[in-house]
């Protein structure tokens, strides 16, 4: 659980280093078998230095990070923007900050500013916002 106060942050979490296996497993699960994600020659022919991860894999890691702290049943909204490609060998760090705490239909919610960045140069790979119910309906209290 998080401290539902604007400005509070979640503990950061690392993912990676990203491997070809990570990328290909995601491709198989998603059905996106675009060779630009696993074939270096194909990616170079398209002007990239090497094959790179599908953006949704990074967005998925960021979603997993959020649900580890706030639970899956509390997800109310999740929006992301892709900023950078991720290559094999990149290590990524997820972070989140509480933007606001509010109520919708008597349900207490929290909005987070979320970000996934490369450890090497700090560039942002994915950013966005996530909204969670703090006590989702039907959730058991400890």
C-alpha atoms as a PDB file:
ATOM      1  CA  UNK A   1       0.000   0.000   0.000  1.00  0.00           C
ATOM      2  CA  UNK A   2       1.068   3.583  -0.492  1.00  0.00           C
ATOM      3  CA  UNK A   3       0.774   6.732   1.537  1.00  0.00           C
ATOM      4  CA  UNK A   4      -2.207   8.442  -0.180  1.00  0.00           C
ATOM      5  CA  UNK A   5      -0.846  11.980   0.133  1.00  0.00           C
ATOM      6  CA  UNK A   6      -0.035  14.179  -2.873  1.00  0.00           C
ATOM      7  CA  UNK A   7       3.710  14.181  -3.422  1.00  0.00           C
ATOM      8  CA  UNK A   8       4.268  10.742  -1.853  1.00  0.00           C
ATOM      9  CA  UNK A   9       6.302   8.321  -3.959  1.00  0.00           C
ATOM     10  CA  UNK A  10       6.285   4.571  -4.417  1.00  0.00           C
ATOM     11  CA  UNK A  11       9.533   2.657  -3.957  1.00  0.00           C
ATOM     12  CA  UNK A  12      11.305   2.291  -7.294  1.00  0.00           C
ATOM     13  CA  UNK A  13      11.643  -1.102  -8.981  1.00  0.00           C
ATOM     14  CA  UNK A  14      14.084  -2.306 -11.638  1.00  0.00           C
ATOM     15  CA  UNK A  15      13.353  -4.536 -14.628  1.00  0.00           C
ATOM     16  CA  UNK A  16      16.007  -6.226 -16.739  1.00  0.00           C
ATOM     17  CA  UNK A  17      18.487  -6.267 -18.197  1.00  0.00           C
ATOM     18  CA  UNK A  18      16.062  -6.900 -21.069  1.00  0.00           C
ATOM     19  CA  UNK A  19      16.823 -10.095 -22.948  1.00  0.00           C
ATOM     20  CA  UNK A  20      15.871 -11.445 -26.358  1.00  0.00           C
ATOM     21  CA  UNK A  21      13.867 -14.065 -24.470  1.00  0.00           C
ATOM     22  CA  UNK A  22      11.841 -11.345 -22.691  1.00  0.00           C
ATOM     23  CA  UNK A  23      11.019  -9.753 -26.038  1.00  0.00           C
ATOM     24  CA  UNK A  24      10.160 -12.956 -27.898  1.00  0.00           C
ATOM     25  CA  UNK A  25       8.058 -14.298 -25.017  1.00  0.00           C
ATOM     26  CA  UNK A  26       6.057 -11.074 -25.036  1.00  0.00           C
ATOM     27  CA  UNK A  27       5.679 -11.267 -28.809  1.00  0.00           C
ATOM     28  CA  UNK A  28       4.335 -14.806 -28.571  1.00  0.00           C
ATOM     29  CA  UNK A  29       1.893 -13.920 -25.813  1.00  0.00           C
ATOM     30  CA  UNK A  30       0.639 -10.790 -27.582  1.00  0.00           C
ATOM     31  CA  UNK A  31       0.574 -12.224 -31.103  1.00  0.00           C
ATOM     32  CA  UNK A  32       2.755  -9.342 -32.349  1.00  0.00           C
ATOM     33  CA  UNK A  33       5.427 -11.205 -34.294  1.00  0.00           C
ATOM     34  CA  UNK A  34       6.762  -8.157 -36.153  1.00  0.00           C
ATOM     35  CA  UNK A  35      10.373  -9.103 -37.008  1.00  0.00           C
ATOM     36  CA  UNK A  36      11.583  -5.610 -36.063  1.00  0.00           C
ATOM     37  CA  UNK A  37      11.377  -6.849 -32.452  1.00  0.00           C
ATOM     38  CA  UNK A  38      13.536  -9.971 -32.839  1.00  0.00           C
ATOM     39  CA  UNK A  39      15.469  -9.818 -36.124  1.00  0.00           C
ATOM     40  CA  UNK A  40      18.508  -7.502 -36.042  1.00  0.00           C
ATOM     41  CA  UNK A  41      18.979  -7.555 -39.832  1.00  0.00           C
ATOM     42  CA  UNK A  42      15.348  -6.567 -40.370  1.00  0.00           C
ATOM     43  CA  UNK A  43      15.631  -3.757 -37.803  1.00  0.00           C
ATOM     44  CA  UNK A  44      18.880  -2.453 -39.367  1.00  0.00           C
ATOM     45  CA  UNK A  45      17.225  -2.445 -42.812  1.00  0.00           C
ATOM     46  CA  UNK A  46      14.534  -0.220 -41.280  1.00  0.00           C
ATOM     47  CA  UNK A  47      17.159   2.208 -39.948  1.00  0.00           C
ATOM     48  CA  UNK A  48      17.517   0.987 -36.348  1.00  0.00           C
ATOM     49  CA  UNK A  49      20.806  -0.190 -34.817  1.00  0.00           C
ATOM     50  CA  UNK A  50      19.247  -3.490 -33.696  1.00  0.00           C
ATOM     51  CA  UNK A  51      15.934  -5.158 -32.922  1.00  0.00           C
ATOM     52  CA  UNK A  52      14.028  -3.552 -30.071  1.00  0.00           C
ATOM     53  CA  UNK A  53      11.271  -4.389 -27.617  1.00  0.00           C
ATOM     54  CA  UNK A  54       7.594  -3.823 -28.305  1.00  0.00           C
ATOM     55  CA  UNK A  55       6.434  -0.710 -26.449  1.00  0.00           C
ATOM     56  CA  UNK A  56       3.600  -2.602 -24.803  1.00  0.00           C
ATOM     57  CA  UNK A  57       6.118  -4.830 -23.000  1.00  0.00           C
ATOM     58  CA  UNK A  58       7.484  -1.746 -21.217  1.00  0.00           C
ATOM     59  CA  UNK A  59       3.954  -0.495 -20.523  1.00  0.00           C
ATOM     60  CA  UNK A  60       3.174  -3.937 -19.081  1.00  0.00           C
ATOM     61  CA  UNK A  61       6.150  -3.801 -16.730  1.00  0.00           C
ATOM     62  CA  UNK A  62       5.005  -0.380 -15.567  1.00  0.00           C
ATOM     63  CA  UNK A  63       1.469  -1.710 -14.994  1.00  0.00           C
ATOM     64  CA  UNK A  64       2.863  -4.653 -13.013  1.00  0.00           C
ATOM     65  CA  UNK A  65       4.827  -2.223 -10.856  1.00  0.00           C
ATOM     66  CA  UNK A  66       1.665  -0.236 -10.090  1.00  0.00           C
ATOM     67  CA  UNK A  67      -0.457  -3.286  -9.274  1.00  0.00           C
ATOM     68  CA  UNK A  68       2.233  -4.667  -6.963  1.00  0.00           C
ATOM     69  CA  UNK A  69       1.581  -1.633  -4.755  1.00  0.00           C
ATOM     70  CA  UNK A  70      -2.130  -1.015  -5.274  1.00  0.00           C
ATOM     71  CA  UNK A  71      -3.581  -4.366  -6.365  1.00  0.00           C
ATOM     72  CA  UNK A  72      -5.176  -5.492  -9.588  1.00  0.00           C
ATOM     73  CA  UNK A  73      -8.793  -5.044  -8.499  1.00  0.00           C
ATOM     74  CA  UNK A  74      -8.265  -1.341  -7.834  1.00  0.00           C
ATOM     75  CA  UNK A  75      -7.274  -0.338 -11.371  1.00  0.00           C
ATOM     76  CA  UNK A  76      -9.638   2.342 -12.663  1.00  0.00           C
ATOM     77  CA  UNK A  77      -7.574   3.984 -15.408  1.00  0.00           C
ATOM     78  CA  UNK A  78      -4.158   3.413 -16.972  1.00  0.00           C
ATOM     79  CA  UNK A  79      -2.731   5.669 -19.697  1.00  0.00           C
ATOM     80  CA  UNK A  80       0.754   5.605 -21.127  1.00  0.00           C
ATOM     81  CA  UNK A  81       2.850   7.248 -23.839  1.00  0.00           C
ATOM     82  CA  UNK A  82       5.822   5.597 -25.472  1.00  0.00           C
ATOM     83  CA  UNK A  83       8.902   7.845 -25.502  1.00  0.00           C
ATOM     84  CA  UNK A  84      11.938   5.678 -26.336  1.00  0.00           C
ATOM     85  CA  UNK A  85      12.699   2.263 -27.749  1.00  0.00           C
ATOM     86  CA  UNK A  86      14.131  -0.387 -25.446  1.00  0.00           C
ATOM     87  CA  UNK A  87      16.968  -2.614 -26.652  1.00  0.00           C
ATOM     88  CA  UNK A  88      18.340  -5.867 -25.326  1.00  0.00           C
ATOM     89  CA  UNK A  89      20.624  -5.157 -22.398  1.00  0.00           C
ATOM     90  CA  UNK A  90      18.720  -2.097 -21.157  1.00  0.00           C
ATOM     91  CA  UNK A  91      17.832  -2.039 -17.468  1.00  0.00           C
ATOM     92  CA  UNK A  92      14.724  -0.037 -16.615  1.00  0.00           C
ATOM     93  CA  UNK A  93      13.493   1.586 -13.415  1.00  0.00           C
ATOM     94  CA  UNK A  94       9.833   2.232 -12.613  1.00  0.00           C
ATOM     95  CA  UNK A  95       8.712   5.093 -10.380  1.00  0.00           C
ATOM     96  CA  UNK A  96       5.429   6.718  -9.380  1.00  0.00           C
ATOM     97  CA  UNK A  97       4.294   9.805  -7.507  1.00  0.00           C
ATOM     98  CA  UNK A  98       0.882  10.557  -6.011  1.00  0.00           C
ATOM     99  CA  UNK A  99      -0.655  13.456  -7.934  1.00  0.00           C
ATOM    100  CA  UNK A 100      -3.992  13.650  -6.155  1.00  0.00           C
ATOM    101  CA  UNK A 101      -6.397  11.821  -3.895  1.00  0.00           C
ATOM    102  CA  UNK A 102     -10.080  12.212  -4.707  1.00  0.00           C
ATOM    103  CA  UNK A 103     -13.450  10.534  -4.582  1.00  0.00           C
ATOM    104  CA  UNK A 104     -15.741   9.223  -7.319  1.00  0.00           C
ATOM    105  CA  UNK A 105     -19.162   7.833  -6.395  1.00  0.00           C
ATOM    106  CA  UNK A 106     -18.048   7.503  -2.751  1.00  0.00           C
ATOM    107  CA  UNK A 107     -14.947   5.539  -3.792  1.00  0.00           C
ATOM    108  CA  UNK A 108     -11.604   6.921  -2.557  1.00  0.00           C
ATOM    109  CA  UNK A 109      -9.109   7.037  -5.430  1.00  0.00           C
ATOM    110  CA  UNK A 110      -5.519   7.990  -6.043  1.00  0.00           C
ATOM    111  CA  UNK A 111      -3.963   9.279  -9.253  1.00  0.00           C
ATOM    112  CA  UNK A 112      -0.314   8.533  -9.928  1.00  0.00           C
ATOM    113  CA  UNK A 113       2.180  10.045 -12.361  1.00  0.00           C
ATOM    114  CA  UNK A 114       4.094   6.983 -13.575  1.00  0.00           C
ATOM    115  CA  UNK A 115       7.398   6.614 -15.379  1.00  0.00           C
ATOM    116  CA  UNK A 116       9.751   3.938 -16.670  1.00  0.00           C
ATOM    117  CA  UNK A 117      13.264   5.097 -17.531  1.00  0.00           C
ATOM    118  CA  UNK A 118      16.528   3.600 -18.755  1.00  0.00           C
ATOM    119  CA  UNK A 119      19.163   3.248 -16.068  1.00  0.00           C
ATOM    120  CA  UNK A 120      22.004   3.961 -18.482  1.00  0.00           C
ATOM    121  CA  UNK A 121      21.104   7.472 -19.582  1.00  0.00           C
ATOM    122  CA  UNK A 122      17.948   8.219 -17.588  1.00  0.00           C
ATOM    123  CA  UNK A 123      15.826   8.637 -20.706  1.00  0.00           C
ATOM    124  CA  UNK A 124      12.119   8.087 -20.217  1.00  0.00           C
ATOM    125  CA  UNK A 125      10.841   5.006 -22.028  1.00  0.00           C
ATOM    126  CA  UNK A 126       7.174   5.197 -20.988  1.00  0.00           C
ATOM    127  CA  UNK A 127       5.273   7.743 -18.926  1.00  0.00           C
ATOM    128  CA  UNK A 128       1.662   8.332 -18.082  1.00  0.00           C
ATOM    129  CA  UNK A 129      -0.930   8.248 -15.344  1.00  0.00           C
ATOM    130  CA  UNK A 130      -2.681   5.543 -13.383  1.00  0.00           C
ATOM    131  CA  UNK A 131      -5.797   5.786 -11.261  1.00  0.00           C
ATOM    132  CA  UNK A 132      -6.617   3.274  -8.520  1.00  0.00           C
ATOM    133  CA  UNK A 133      -9.340   2.791  -5.957  1.00  0.00           C
ATOM    134  CA  UNK A 134      -7.727   2.775  -2.520  1.00  0.00           C
ATOM    135  CA  UNK A 135     -10.274   0.302  -1.112  1.00  0.00           C
ATOM    136  CA  UNK A 136     -11.796  -1.414  -4.154  1.00  0.00           C
ATOM    137  CA  UNK A 137     -15.385  -2.532  -3.702  1.00  0.00           C
ATOM    138  CA  UNK A 138     -15.429  -6.150  -2.632  1.00  0.00           C
ATOM    139  CA  UNK A 139     -11.852  -6.040  -1.316  1.00  0.00           C
ATOM    140  CA  UNK A 140     -11.288  -7.471   2.142  1.00  0.00           C
ATOM    141  CA  UNK A 141      -9.764  -5.214   4.743  1.00  0.00           C
ATOM    142  CA  UNK A 142      -6.843  -6.617   6.780  1.00  0.00           C
END
